[in-house]
Amino acid sequence: MKSLVKLAALALLIPGQLFVSCKKDDLSTRNHPPIADAGEDMIIEQPANSAFLNGGKSRDEDHNLARYQWTKISGPDGGDIINPDKPYPRVENLTLGTYEFELQVSDKFGRASKDIVQVTVVLSRGATFDNLSWANDANSQMITTESPDLSSELQTRVIRKVFLVDNSSGDWFEIEKDGTGDDQFYYKIENNKIIAYMHYVTFDPANIDLSSQMKIEYE
């Protein structure tokens, strides 16, 4: 009699166990893999040498997204990833060239997908210098101002245009290189600096609002 009771109890338990097991299998079978999204390709200009990667649009239909992992897969030296297990890591020490960073996202069942983003570092197209200070040589009737030292830039770059700003209107105006006329702004390159100057004849520079900014464009 006891044996019959045991068999009946076992018969009742087995279907329940099978149901639980099948339910777990169904969950893993029906689970969809996550979708990795490493964001849009980026172009940054020197002197910038860092950027933030964007994996925030990665998603999982089953809401099981569990892990981010960023890896540098190609590119020049540098491109160090800070916090590579976060959706928005910072990359540092970027140099000229194109980098590829791969994002892998995984769900809690171990299913994963990957995506790649390119980060391209290019030379700057130009630069702006603020808070110019003008010197006035009354004997030669010459006013001058200069840019910061451009030694490193001028080793590989050629200056195409130089502009000064009209403080009253905020408009930029181009100045010529190596000019000779009176009452006009010109520039020359000396000692790795851009020197803007004017030989004034008909006005007193103390009575005008001299340009406070210089802008340059490279070829």
N, C-alpha and C. Protein backbone atom coordinates (compact mmCIF):
# COMPACT_ATOMS: atom_id res chain seq x y z
N MET A 1 0.83 -1.21 0.00
CA MET A 1 0.00 0.00 0.00
C MET A 1 0.86 1.26 0.00
N LYS A 2 1.94 1.26 0.85
CA LYS A 2 2.84 2.41 0.88
C LYS A 2 3.49 2.65 -0.47
N SER A 3 3.80 1.58 -1.17
CA SER A 3 4.43 1.71 -2.49
C SER A 3 3.48 2.37 -3.47
N LEU A 4 2.20 2.03 -3.36
CA LEU A 4 1.22 2.63 -4.26
C LEU A 4 1.08 4.12 -3.99
N VAL A 5 1.13 4.51 -2.70
CA VAL A 5 1.03 5.93 -2.35
C VAL A 5 2.22 6.70 -2.90
N LYS A 6 3.43 6.09 -2.75
CA LYS A 6 4.64 6.73 -3.25
C LYS A 6 4.58 6.92 -4.76
N LEU A 7 4.10 5.93 -5.47
CA LEU A 7 4.01 6.02 -6.92
C LEU A 7 3.02 7.09 -7.35
N ALA A 8 1.91 7.18 -6.60
CA ALA A 8 0.91 8.20 -6.94
C ALA A 8 1.46 9.60 -6.72
N ALA A 9 2.18 9.78 -5.60
CA ALA A 9 2.77 11.09 -5.31
C ALA A 9 3.79 11.46 -6.36
N LEU A 10 4.63 10.51 -6.77
CA LEU A 10 5.65 10.75 -7.79
C LEU A 10 5.01 11.15 -9.11
N ALA A 11 3.88 10.48 -9.43
CA ALA A 11 3.18 10.79 -10.67
C ALA A 11 2.65 12.21 -10.68
N LEU A 12 2.27 12.70 -9.48
CA LEU A 12 1.78 14.07 -9.39
C LEU A 12 2.91 15.09 -9.49
N LEU A 13 4.10 14.75 -8.97
CA LEU A 13 5.23 15.68 -8.96
C LEU A 13 5.88 15.84 -10.33
N ILE A 14 5.99 14.75 -11.06
CA ILE A 14 6.75 14.75 -12.31
C ILE A 14 6.20 15.75 -13.33
N PRO A 15 4.88 15.84 -13.56
CA PRO A 15 4.39 16.82 -14.52
C PRO A 15 4.73 18.25 -14.14
N GLY A 16 4.67 18.52 -12.81
CA GLY A 16 5.02 19.86 -12.36
C GLY A 16 6.46 20.19 -12.65
N GLN A 17 7.36 19.23 -12.43
CA GLN A 17 8.77 19.45 -12.71
C GLN A 17 9.02 19.66 -14.20
N LEU A 18 8.30 18.86 -14.98
CA LEU A 18 8.44 19.01 -16.42
C LEU A 18 7.96 20.38 -16.87
N PHE A 19 6.88 20.88 -16.24
CA PHE A 19 6.34 22.18 -16.60
C PHE A 19 7.33 23.29 -16.29
N VAL A 20 7.95 23.23 -15.09
CA VAL A 20 8.94 24.24 -14.71
C VAL A 20 10.12 24.21 -15.64
N SER A 21 10.60 23.02 -15.97
CA SER A 21 11.75 22.87 -16.86
C SER A 21 11.43 23.42 -18.24
N CYS A 22 10.23 23.12 -18.73
CA CYS A 22 9.86 23.59 -20.06
C CYS A 22 9.72 25.10 -20.07
N LYS A 23 9.21 25.67 -18.95
CA LYS A 23 9.05 27.11 -18.88
C LYS A 23 10.39 27.82 -18.97
N LYS A 24 11.41 27.27 -18.27
CA LYS A 24 12.75 27.86 -18.33
C LYS A 24 13.32 27.76 -19.74
N ASP A 25 13.14 26.60 -20.37
CA ASP A 25 13.64 26.42 -21.72
C ASP A 25 12.95 27.38 -22.69
N ASP A 26 11.63 27.56 -22.48
CA ASP A 26 10.90 28.46 -23.36
C ASP A 26 11.42 29.89 -23.25
N LEU A 27 11.75 30.34 -22.02
CA LEU A 27 12.24 31.69 -21.82
C LEU A 27 13.54 31.93 -22.59
N SER A 28 14.47 30.99 -22.47
CA SER A 28 15.75 31.16 -23.15
C SER A 28 15.62 31.01 -24.66
N THR A 29 14.65 30.15 -25.08
CA THR A 29 14.47 29.96 -26.52
C THR A 29 13.81 31.16 -27.16
N ARG A 30 12.83 31.74 -26.46
CA ARG A 30 12.11 32.89 -27.01
C ARG A 30 12.91 34.18 -26.87
N ASN A 31 13.98 34.19 -26.08
CA ASN A 31 14.75 35.40 -25.85
C ASN A 31 15.38 35.91 -27.14
N HIS A 32 15.27 37.21 -27.36
CA HIS A 32 15.87 37.84 -28.54
C HIS A 32 17.26 38.39 -28.18
N PRO A 33 18.20 38.32 -29.08
CA PRO A 33 19.52 38.90 -28.79
C PRO A 33 19.41 40.42 -28.72
N PRO A 34 20.25 41.06 -27.91
CA PRO A 34 20.26 42.52 -27.87
C PRO A 34 20.80 43.10 -29.18
N ILE A 35 20.57 44.37 -29.38
CA ILE A 35 21.06 45.05 -30.58
C ILE A 35 22.05 46.12 -30.15
N ALA A 36 23.29 45.97 -30.57
CA ALA A 36 24.33 46.95 -30.25
C ALA A 36 24.24 48.13 -31.20
N ASP A 37 24.40 49.33 -30.66
CA ASP A 37 24.44 50.56 -31.46
C ASP A 37 25.58 51.41 -30.92
N ALA A 38 26.67 51.51 -31.68
CA ALA A 38 27.86 52.23 -31.23
C ALA A 38 27.81 53.72 -31.56
N GLY A 39 26.68 54.20 -32.08
CA GLY A 39 26.55 55.62 -32.36
C GLY A 39 27.07 56.01 -33.74
N GLU A 40 26.95 57.30 -34.04
CA GLU A 40 27.37 57.83 -35.34
C GLU A 40 28.89 57.99 -35.40
N ASP A 41 29.45 57.81 -36.62
CA ASP A 41 30.87 58.09 -36.82
C ASP A 41 31.14 59.56 -36.51
N MET A 42 32.35 59.83 -36.00
CA MET A 42 32.69 61.19 -35.57
C MET A 42 33.95 61.70 -36.25
N ILE A 43 33.99 63.01 -36.46
CA ILE A 43 35.21 63.69 -36.91
C ILE A 43 35.50 64.79 -35.90
N ILE A 44 36.69 64.78 -35.34
CA ILE A 44 37.07 65.82 -34.40
C ILE A 44 38.34 66.51 -34.90
N GLU A 45 38.43 67.79 -34.61
CA GLU A 45 39.57 68.58 -35.08
C GLU A 45 40.55 68.82 -33.94
N GLN A 46 41.84 68.67 -34.26
CA GLN A 46 42.85 69.09 -33.30
C GLN A 46 42.69 70.60 -33.05
N PRO A 47 42.98 71.09 -31.86
CA PRO A 47 43.75 70.43 -30.80
C PRO A 47 42.95 69.48 -29.91
N ALA A 48 41.64 69.29 -30.17
CA ALA A 48 40.89 68.30 -29.38
C ALA A 48 41.54 66.94 -29.52
N ASN A 49 41.65 66.20 -28.43
CA ASN A 49 42.27 64.87 -28.47
C ASN A 49 41.49 63.85 -27.64
N SER A 50 40.22 64.12 -27.41
CA SER A 50 39.38 63.17 -26.69
C SER A 50 37.95 63.27 -27.21
N ALA A 51 37.15 62.26 -26.90
CA ALA A 51 35.75 62.23 -27.34
C ALA A 51 34.99 61.26 -26.45
N PHE A 52 33.66 61.37 -26.48
CA PHE A 52 32.81 60.42 -25.76
C PHE A 52 32.14 59.49 -26.77
N LEU A 53 32.25 58.19 -26.54
CA LEU A 53 31.54 57.21 -27.36
C LEU A 53 30.09 57.13 -26.85
N ASN A 54 29.20 56.70 -27.73
CA ASN A 54 27.78 56.72 -27.38
C ASN A 54 27.13 55.37 -27.72
N GLY A 55 27.00 54.54 -26.70
CA GLY A 55 26.30 53.27 -26.88
C GLY A 55 24.90 53.30 -26.30
N GLY A 56 24.40 54.51 -26.03
CA GLY A 56 23.13 54.65 -25.33
C GLY A 56 21.91 54.20 -26.12
N LYS A 57 22.05 54.03 -27.43
CA LYS A 57 20.91 53.58 -28.23
C LYS A 57 20.87 52.06 -28.40
N SER A 58 21.80 51.37 -27.77
CA SER A 58 21.74 49.91 -27.78
C SER A 58 20.47 49.49 -27.03
N ARG A 59 19.88 48.39 -27.43
CA ARG A 59 18.59 48.02 -26.85
C ARG A 59 18.41 46.50 -26.83
N ASP A 60 17.42 46.08 -26.06
CA ASP A 60 17.08 44.66 -25.97
C ASP A 60 15.56 44.55 -25.87
N GLU A 61 14.98 43.85 -26.83
CA GLU A 61 13.52 43.73 -26.89
C GLU A 61 12.94 43.11 -25.63
N ASP A 62 13.72 42.25 -24.99
CA ASP A 62 13.22 41.56 -23.79
C ASP A 62 13.61 42.28 -22.50
N HIS A 63 14.25 43.43 -22.63
CA HIS A 63 14.65 44.23 -21.46
C HIS A 63 15.61 43.47 -20.55
N ASN A 64 16.51 42.72 -21.18
CA ASN A 64 17.48 41.93 -20.41
C ASN A 64 18.91 42.40 -20.63
N LEU A 65 19.11 43.62 -21.17
CA LEU A 65 20.46 44.11 -21.44
C LEU A 65 21.25 44.18 -20.13
N ALA A 66 22.40 43.51 -20.12
CA ALA A 66 23.12 43.36 -18.85
C ALA A 66 24.56 43.87 -18.90
N ARG A 67 25.17 43.98 -20.09
CA ARG A 67 26.61 44.27 -20.11
C ARG A 67 27.00 45.04 -21.37
N TYR A 68 27.87 46.06 -21.16
CA TYR A 68 28.50 46.80 -22.26
C TYR A 68 30.00 46.52 -22.21
N GLN A 69 30.61 46.41 -23.38
CA GLN A 69 32.06 46.27 -23.42
C GLN A 69 32.60 46.91 -24.70
N TRP A 70 33.41 47.99 -24.52
CA TRP A 70 34.04 48.69 -25.64
C TRP A 70 35.47 48.22 -25.81
N THR A 71 35.91 48.11 -27.07
CA THR A 71 37.28 47.71 -27.39
C THR A 71 37.79 48.51 -28.58
N LYS A 72 39.02 48.97 -28.49
CA LYS A 72 39.66 49.59 -29.66
C LYS A 72 40.15 48.47 -30.56
N ILE A 73 39.72 48.47 -31.82
CA ILE A 73 40.11 47.38 -32.72
C ILE A 73 41.08 47.82 -33.82
N SER A 74 41.20 49.15 -34.05
CA SER A 74 42.18 49.62 -35.03
C SER A 74 42.43 51.10 -34.82
N GLY A 75 43.55 51.57 -35.40
CA GLY A 75 43.85 52.99 -35.32
C GLY A 75 45.27 53.25 -34.86
N PRO A 76 45.68 54.51 -34.90
CA PRO A 76 47.03 54.88 -34.45
C PRO A 76 47.18 54.68 -32.94
N ASP A 77 48.34 55.07 -32.42
CA ASP A 77 48.56 55.00 -30.98
C ASP A 77 47.55 55.88 -30.26
N GLY A 78 47.36 55.62 -28.99
CA GLY A 78 46.39 56.39 -28.22
C GLY A 78 45.01 55.79 -28.35
N GLY A 79 44.00 56.61 -28.10
CA GLY A 79 42.63 56.10 -28.14
C GLY A 79 42.33 55.23 -26.93
N ASP A 80 42.81 55.66 -25.76
CA ASP A 80 42.61 54.89 -24.53
C ASP A 80 41.16 55.06 -24.06
N ILE A 81 40.51 53.95 -23.78
CA ILE A 81 39.11 53.96 -23.38
C ILE A 81 39.02 53.99 -21.85
N ILE A 82 38.36 55.01 -21.33
CA ILE A 82 38.14 55.12 -19.89
C ILE A 82 36.75 54.56 -19.58
N ASN A 83 36.68 53.63 -18.63
CA ASN A 83 35.41 52.97 -18.28
C ASN A 83 34.79 52.25 -19.48
N PRO A 84 35.50 51.25 -20.04
CA PRO A 84 35.00 50.58 -21.24
C PRO A 84 33.74 49.74 -21.01
N ASP A 85 33.33 49.56 -19.76
CA ASP A 85 32.12 48.78 -19.48
C ASP A 85 30.89 49.67 -19.27
N LYS A 86 31.00 50.94 -19.67
CA LYS A 86 29.89 51.88 -19.55
C LYS A 86 29.34 52.22 -20.94
N PRO A 87 28.08 52.66 -21.02
CA PRO A 87 27.53 52.99 -22.34
C PRO A 87 28.14 54.24 -22.97
N TYR A 88 28.66 55.18 -22.14
CA TYR A 88 29.20 56.44 -22.66
C TYR A 88 30.64 56.65 -22.19
N PRO A 89 31.58 55.82 -22.60
CA PRO A 89 32.96 55.99 -22.13
C PRO A 89 33.67 57.13 -22.85
N ARG A 90 34.71 57.64 -22.22
CA ARG A 90 35.55 58.67 -22.81
C ARG A 90 36.77 58.01 -23.41
N VAL A 91 37.18 58.46 -24.61
CA VAL A 91 38.43 58.00 -25.21
C VAL A 91 39.41 59.17 -25.20
N GLU A 92 40.65 58.90 -24.82
CA GLU A 92 41.64 59.95 -24.64
C GLU A 92 42.89 59.68 -25.47
N ASN A 93 43.75 60.70 -25.54
CA ASN A 93 45.05 60.60 -26.22
C ASN A 93 44.91 60.26 -27.70
N LEU A 94 43.88 60.82 -28.33
CA LEU A 94 43.68 60.60 -29.76
C LEU A 94 44.70 61.40 -30.56
N THR A 95 45.19 60.82 -31.65
CA THR A 95 46.11 61.50 -32.54
C THR A 95 45.55 61.46 -33.96
N LEU A 96 46.25 62.09 -34.90
CA LEU A 96 45.76 62.16 -36.27
C LEU A 96 45.54 60.76 -36.84
N GLY A 97 44.40 60.58 -37.50
CA GLY A 97 44.10 59.30 -38.11
C GLY A 97 42.70 58.83 -37.78
N THR A 98 42.39 57.61 -38.20
CA THR A 98 41.06 57.04 -37.99
C THR A 98 41.13 55.84 -37.05
N TYR A 99 40.29 55.88 -36.04
CA TYR A 99 40.17 54.80 -35.06
C TYR A 99 38.85 54.06 -35.28
N GLU A 100 38.85 52.78 -34.92
CA GLU A 100 37.60 52.00 -34.87
C GLU A 100 37.44 51.44 -33.47
N PHE A 101 36.26 51.66 -32.91
CA PHE A 101 35.94 51.14 -31.59
C PHE A 101 34.73 50.23 -31.72
N GLU A 102 34.83 49.06 -31.10
CA GLU A 102 33.76 48.08 -31.18
C GLU A 102 33.01 48.02 -29.85
N LEU A 103 31.70 48.02 -29.95
CA LEU A 103 30.84 47.85 -28.77
C LEU A 103 30.17 46.48 -28.84
N GLN A 104 30.32 45.71 -27.78
CA GLN A 104 29.57 44.46 -27.65
C GLN A 104 28.62 44.58 -26.46
N VAL A 105 27.34 44.29 -26.71
CA VAL A 105 26.37 44.29 -25.62
C VAL A 105 25.85 42.86 -25.45
N SER A 106 25.60 42.47 -24.20
CA SER A 106 25.15 41.12 -23.88
C SER A 106 23.93 41.19 -22.98
N ASP A 107 23.07 40.18 -23.07
CA ASP A 107 21.95 40.10 -22.14
C ASP A 107 22.27 39.08 -21.05
N LYS A 108 21.34 38.89 -20.12
CA LYS A 108 21.62 38.03 -18.97
C LYS A 108 21.65 36.54 -19.34
N PHE A 109 21.23 36.22 -20.57
CA PHE A 109 21.32 34.83 -21.04
C PHE A 109 22.61 34.58 -21.81
N GLY A 110 23.43 35.63 -21.98
CA GLY A 110 24.70 35.47 -22.69
C GLY A 110 24.62 35.73 -24.18
N ARG A 111 23.45 36.06 -24.68
CA ARG A 111 23.36 36.40 -26.10
C ARG A 111 23.92 37.80 -26.31
N ALA A 112 24.58 38.03 -27.45
CA ALA A 112 25.32 39.28 -27.65
C ALA A 112 25.27 39.73 -29.10
N SER A 113 25.57 41.01 -29.31
CA SER A 113 25.75 41.54 -30.66
C SER A 113 26.80 42.64 -30.60
N LYS A 114 27.32 43.01 -31.77
CA LYS A 114 28.41 43.98 -31.84
C LYS A 114 28.10 45.07 -32.86
N ASP A 115 28.73 46.22 -32.66
CA ASP A 115 28.65 47.31 -33.62
C ASP A 115 29.96 48.09 -33.54
N ILE A 116 30.31 48.80 -34.62
CA ILE A 116 31.58 49.52 -34.70
C ILE A 116 31.32 50.98 -35.04
N VAL A 117 32.09 51.86 -34.42
CA VAL A 117 32.04 53.28 -34.73
C VAL A 117 33.44 53.76 -35.09
N GLN A 118 33.52 54.69 -36.05
CA GLN A 118 34.79 55.29 -36.44
C GLN A 118 34.92 56.68 -35.83
N VAL A 119 36.12 56.97 -35.33
CA VAL A 119 36.45 58.30 -34.83
C VAL A 119 37.67 58.78 -35.62
N THR A 120 37.51 59.85 -36.40
CA THR A 120 38.59 60.36 -37.24
C THR A 120 39.07 61.69 -36.69
N VAL A 121 40.38 61.81 -36.49
CA VAL A 121 40.99 63.04 -35.99
C VAL A 121 41.68 63.73 -37.15
N VAL A 122 41.32 65.00 -37.38
CA VAL A 122 41.88 65.76 -38.50
C VAL A 122 42.55 67.02 -37.97
N LEU A 123 43.39 67.60 -38.81
CA LEU A 123 43.99 68.89 -38.46
C LEU A 123 42.91 69.96 -38.42
N SER A 124 43.10 70.91 -37.54
CA SER A 124 42.13 72.01 -37.45
C SER A 124 42.18 72.84 -38.72
N ARG A 125 41.04 73.40 -39.09
CA ARG A 125 40.98 74.24 -40.29
C ARG A 125 41.46 75.65 -40.01
N GLY A 126 41.55 75.98 -38.74
CA GLY A 126 41.98 77.32 -38.40
C GLY A 126 42.02 77.51 -36.90
N ALA A 127 42.22 78.76 -36.49
CA ALA A 127 42.29 79.08 -35.07
C ALA A 127 41.92 80.53 -34.87
N THR A 128 41.41 80.85 -33.69
CA THR A 128 41.06 82.22 -33.33
C THR A 128 41.81 82.61 -32.07
N PHE A 129 42.38 83.79 -32.07
CA PHE A 129 43.12 84.30 -30.92
C PHE A 129 42.40 85.52 -30.36
N ASP A 130 42.14 85.48 -29.06
CA ASP A 130 41.38 86.53 -28.41
C ASP A 130 42.29 87.49 -27.64
N ASN A 131 41.67 88.59 -27.21
CA ASN A 131 42.32 89.56 -26.32
C ASN A 131 43.66 90.07 -26.88
N LEU A 132 43.63 90.47 -28.14
CA LEU A 132 44.84 91.01 -28.75
C LEU A 132 45.29 92.30 -28.05
N SER A 133 46.58 92.45 -27.96
CA SER A 133 47.16 93.66 -27.37
C SER A 133 47.96 94.38 -28.46
N TRP A 134 47.64 95.65 -28.71
CA TRP A 134 48.30 96.40 -29.77
C TRP A 134 49.39 97.30 -29.19
N ALA A 135 50.52 97.35 -29.90
CA ALA A 135 51.61 98.26 -29.54
C ALA A 135 51.64 99.40 -30.54
N ASN A 136 51.90 100.59 -30.04
CA ASN A 136 51.92 101.78 -30.90
C ASN A 136 53.31 102.42 -30.85
N ASP A 137 53.99 102.40 -31.99
CA ASP A 137 55.28 103.09 -32.10
C ASP A 137 55.02 104.44 -32.77
N ALA A 138 54.93 105.46 -31.96
CA ALA A 138 54.59 106.79 -32.48
C ALA A 138 55.65 107.33 -33.42
N ASN A 139 56.91 106.97 -33.21
CA ASN A 139 57.98 107.49 -34.07
C ASN A 139 57.83 106.99 -35.51
N SER A 140 57.52 105.70 -35.67
CA SER A 140 57.36 105.16 -37.02
C SER A 140 55.90 105.16 -37.47
N GLN A 141 55.01 105.62 -36.58
CA GLN A 141 53.57 105.63 -36.85
C GLN A 141 53.09 104.23 -37.27
N MET A 142 53.47 103.25 -36.47
CA MET A 142 53.15 101.86 -36.76
C MET A 142 52.48 101.23 -35.54
N ILE A 143 51.35 100.56 -35.76
CA ILE A 143 50.71 99.77 -34.71
C ILE A 143 50.81 98.30 -35.09
N THR A 144 51.06 97.44 -34.10
CA THR A 144 51.25 96.01 -34.35
C THR A 144 50.62 95.18 -33.25
N THR A 145 50.23 93.97 -33.63
CA THR A 145 49.82 92.96 -32.67
C THR A 145 50.27 91.62 -33.22
N GLU A 146 50.33 90.61 -32.39
CA GLU A 146 50.85 89.32 -32.85
C GLU A 146 50.07 88.15 -32.26
N SER A 147 50.14 87.03 -32.97
CA SER A 147 49.51 85.79 -32.51
C SER A 147 50.43 85.10 -31.51
N PRO A 148 49.93 84.07 -30.83
CA PRO A 148 50.84 83.22 -30.04
C PRO A 148 51.84 82.51 -30.96
N ASP A 149 52.80 81.86 -30.37
CA ASP A 149 53.80 81.11 -31.13
C ASP A 149 53.14 79.94 -31.86
N LEU A 150 53.42 79.84 -33.16
CA LEU A 150 52.82 78.79 -34.00
C LEU A 150 53.87 77.84 -34.55
N SER A 151 54.94 77.62 -33.81
CA SER A 151 56.06 76.81 -34.30
C SER A 151 55.61 75.43 -34.77
N SER A 152 54.85 74.72 -33.93
CA SER A 152 54.47 73.36 -34.29
C SER A 152 53.52 73.33 -35.48
N GLU A 153 52.59 74.28 -35.53
CA GLU A 153 51.64 74.31 -36.65
C GLU A 153 52.32 74.62 -37.97
N LEU A 154 53.24 75.58 -37.96
CA LEU A 154 53.86 76.02 -39.21
C LEU A 154 54.87 75.02 -39.76
N GLN A 155 55.20 73.98 -38.99
CA GLN A 155 56.07 72.93 -39.52
C GLN A 155 55.36 72.12 -40.60
N THR A 156 54.04 72.02 -40.49
CA THR A 156 53.29 71.17 -41.42
C THR A 156 52.15 71.89 -42.12
N ARG A 157 51.83 73.12 -41.68
CA ARG A 157 50.67 73.81 -42.23
C ARG A 157 51.08 75.08 -42.95
N VAL A 158 50.24 75.50 -43.88
CA VAL A 158 50.44 76.76 -44.61
C VAL A 158 49.24 77.65 -44.33
N ILE A 159 49.50 78.88 -43.92
CA ILE A 159 48.42 79.81 -43.63
C ILE A 159 47.84 80.33 -44.94
N ARG A 160 46.53 80.23 -45.05
CA ARG A 160 45.85 80.67 -46.28
C ARG A 160 45.29 82.07 -46.15
N LYS A 161 44.66 82.37 -45.02
CA LYS A 161 44.04 83.68 -44.82
C LYS A 161 44.18 84.11 -43.37
N VAL A 162 44.20 85.43 -43.17
CA VAL A 162 44.22 86.00 -41.83
C VAL A 162 43.13 87.07 -41.77
N PHE A 163 42.39 87.09 -40.66
CA PHE A 163 41.29 88.03 -40.48
C PHE A 163 41.44 88.76 -39.15
N LEU A 164 40.93 89.98 -39.12
CA LEU A 164 40.74 90.72 -37.87
C LEU A 164 39.24 90.99 -37.73
N VAL A 165 38.82 91.24 -36.49
CA VAL A 165 37.40 91.50 -36.26
C VAL A 165 37.16 93.01 -36.09
N ASP A 166 36.06 93.48 -36.63
CA ASP A 166 35.62 94.85 -36.41
C ASP A 166 34.83 94.84 -35.09
N ASN A 167 35.38 95.43 -34.06
CA ASN A 167 34.74 95.35 -32.75
C ASN A 167 33.35 95.98 -32.72
N SER A 168 33.14 97.00 -33.52
CA SER A 168 31.85 97.70 -33.48
C SER A 168 30.73 96.87 -34.08
N SER A 169 31.04 96.10 -35.14
CA SER A 169 29.99 95.33 -35.82
C SER A 169 30.07 93.84 -35.54
N GLY A 170 31.26 93.37 -35.12
CA GLY A 170 31.46 91.95 -34.93
C GLY A 170 31.80 91.21 -36.20
N ASP A 171 31.92 91.95 -37.33
CA ASP A 171 32.24 91.31 -38.61
C ASP A 171 33.75 91.09 -38.74
N TRP A 172 34.11 90.03 -39.46
CA TRP A 172 35.51 89.74 -39.74
C TRP A 172 35.90 90.33 -41.09
N PHE A 173 37.11 90.86 -41.19
CA PHE A 173 37.61 91.33 -42.48
C PHE A 173 39.01 90.76 -42.71
N GLU A 174 39.26 90.40 -43.97
CA GLU A 174 40.53 89.77 -44.32
C GLU A 174 41.61 90.83 -44.49
N ILE A 175 42.82 90.48 -44.05
CA ILE A 175 43.96 91.39 -44.24
C ILE A 175 44.98 90.69 -45.13
N GLU A 176 45.67 91.47 -45.93
CA GLU A 176 46.61 90.93 -46.91
C GLU A 176 47.96 90.64 -46.27
N LYS A 177 48.73 89.82 -46.98
CA LYS A 177 50.08 89.49 -46.51
C LYS A 177 51.11 90.44 -47.13
N ASP A 178 52.07 90.87 -46.30
CA ASP A 178 53.22 91.66 -46.76
C ASP A 178 52.80 92.92 -47.52
N GLY A 179 51.83 93.65 -46.97
CA GLY A 179 51.37 94.87 -47.63
C GLY A 179 52.33 96.04 -47.40
N THR A 180 52.07 97.12 -48.13
CA THR A 180 52.93 98.31 -48.02
C THR A 180 52.14 99.60 -47.92
N GLY A 181 50.81 99.55 -48.08
CA GLY A 181 50.03 100.77 -48.12
C GLY A 181 49.84 101.40 -46.75
N ASP A 182 49.46 102.66 -46.75
CA ASP A 182 49.19 103.38 -45.51
C ASP A 182 47.73 103.20 -45.09
N ASP A 183 47.52 103.29 -43.77
CA ASP A 183 46.18 103.23 -43.19
C ASP A 183 45.43 101.96 -43.57
N GLN A 184 46.15 100.88 -43.75
CA GLN A 184 45.54 99.59 -44.03
C GLN A 184 46.25 98.52 -43.20
N PHE A 185 45.49 97.49 -42.79
CA PHE A 185 46.07 96.39 -42.02
C PHE A 185 46.69 95.36 -42.96
N TYR A 186 47.85 94.86 -42.58
CA TYR A 186 48.53 93.78 -43.28
C TYR A 186 49.09 92.81 -42.25
N TYR A 187 49.63 91.71 -42.75
CA TYR A 187 50.30 90.80 -41.82
C TYR A 187 51.56 90.24 -42.46
N LYS A 188 52.45 89.78 -41.61
CA LYS A 188 53.63 89.04 -42.05
C LYS A 188 53.92 87.98 -41.01
N ILE A 189 54.72 87.00 -41.40
CA ILE A 189 55.06 85.91 -40.50
C ILE A 189 56.52 86.06 -40.11
N GLU A 190 56.76 86.24 -38.83
CA GLU A 190 58.12 86.40 -38.32
C GLU A 190 58.24 85.64 -37.01
N ASN A 191 59.35 84.92 -36.88
CA ASN A 191 59.63 84.17 -35.64
C ASN A 191 58.46 83.28 -35.24
N ASN A 192 57.87 82.63 -36.26
CA ASN A 192 56.77 81.68 -36.05
C ASN A 192 55.53 82.33 -35.44
N LYS A 193 55.36 83.61 -35.68
CA LYS A 193 54.17 84.32 -35.24
C LYS A 193 53.59 85.10 -36.41
N ILE A 194 52.28 85.33 -36.36
CA ILE A 194 51.65 86.22 -37.32
C ILE A 194 51.61 87.61 -36.71
N ILE A 195 52.19 88.56 -37.39
CA ILE A 195 52.21 89.94 -36.91
C ILE A 195 51.32 90.78 -37.81
N ALA A 196 50.27 91.33 -37.22
CA ALA A 196 49.40 92.24 -37.96
C ALA A 196 49.87 93.66 -37.68
N TYR A 197 49.89 94.48 -38.73
CA TYR A 197 50.40 95.82 -38.53
C TYR A 197 49.71 96.83 -39.45
N MET A 198 49.86 98.08 -39.12
CA MET A 198 49.36 99.16 -39.96
C MET A 198 50.25 100.39 -39.79
N HIS A 199 50.61 100.99 -40.90
CA HIS A 199 51.30 102.30 -40.88
C HIS A 199 50.23 103.37 -41.03
N TYR A 200 49.97 104.07 -39.95
CA TYR A 200 48.89 105.05 -39.98
C TYR A 200 49.42 106.44 -40.35
N VAL A 201 48.61 107.16 -41.11
CA VAL A 201 48.99 108.49 -41.58
C VAL A 201 47.91 109.51 -41.24
N THR A 202 46.67 109.15 -41.51
CA THR A 202 45.58 110.14 -41.42
C THR A 202 44.77 110.06 -40.14
N PHE A 203 45.10 109.18 -39.21
CA PHE A 203 44.31 109.10 -37.99
C PHE A 203 45.19 108.76 -36.80
N ASP A 204 44.67 108.95 -35.62
CA ASP A 204 45.35 108.63 -34.37
C ASP A 204 44.77 107.32 -33.84
N PRO A 205 45.59 106.25 -33.75
CA PRO A 205 45.06 104.97 -33.29
C PRO A 205 44.49 105.00 -31.87
N ALA A 206 44.87 106.02 -31.10
CA ALA A 206 44.32 106.13 -29.75
C ALA A 206 42.84 106.43 -29.77
N ASN A 207 42.34 106.90 -30.91
CA ASN A 207 40.93 107.30 -31.00
C ASN A 207 40.05 106.25 -31.67
N ILE A 208 40.59 105.06 -31.95
CA ILE A 208 39.77 104.02 -32.58
C ILE A 208 39.80 102.76 -31.72
N ASP A 209 38.79 101.96 -31.90
CA ASP A 209 38.67 100.70 -31.16
C ASP A 209 39.35 99.60 -31.98
N LEU A 210 40.61 99.32 -31.66
CA LEU A 210 41.38 98.34 -32.44
C LEU A 210 40.86 96.93 -32.23
N SER A 211 41.05 96.10 -33.25
CA SER A 211 40.54 94.73 -33.24
C SER A 211 41.03 93.95 -32.02
N SER A 212 40.11 93.22 -31.41
CA SER A 212 40.47 92.43 -30.23
C SER A 212 40.69 90.96 -30.54
N GLN A 213 40.44 90.55 -31.80
CA GLN A 213 40.58 89.13 -32.17
C GLN A 213 41.25 88.98 -33.53
N MET A 214 41.99 87.88 -33.69
CA MET A 214 42.58 87.51 -34.96
C MET A 214 42.15 86.07 -35.26
N LYS A 215 41.86 85.81 -36.52
CA LYS A 215 41.47 84.47 -36.95
C LYS A 215 42.32 84.06 -38.13
N ILE A 216 42.77 82.81 -38.15
CA ILE A 216 43.56 82.33 -39.29
C ILE A 216 42.89 81.09 -39.88
N GLU A 217 43.11 80.89 -41.18
CA GLU A 217 42.67 79.67 -41.88
C GLU A 217 43.89 79.02 -42.49
N TYR A 218 43.95 77.69 -42.38
CA TYR A 218 45.04 76.92 -43.00
C TYR A 218 44.59 76.37 -44.34
N GLU A 219 45.57 76.12 -45.20
CA GLU A 219 45.27 75.44 -46.46
C GLU A 219 44.99 73.97 -46.19
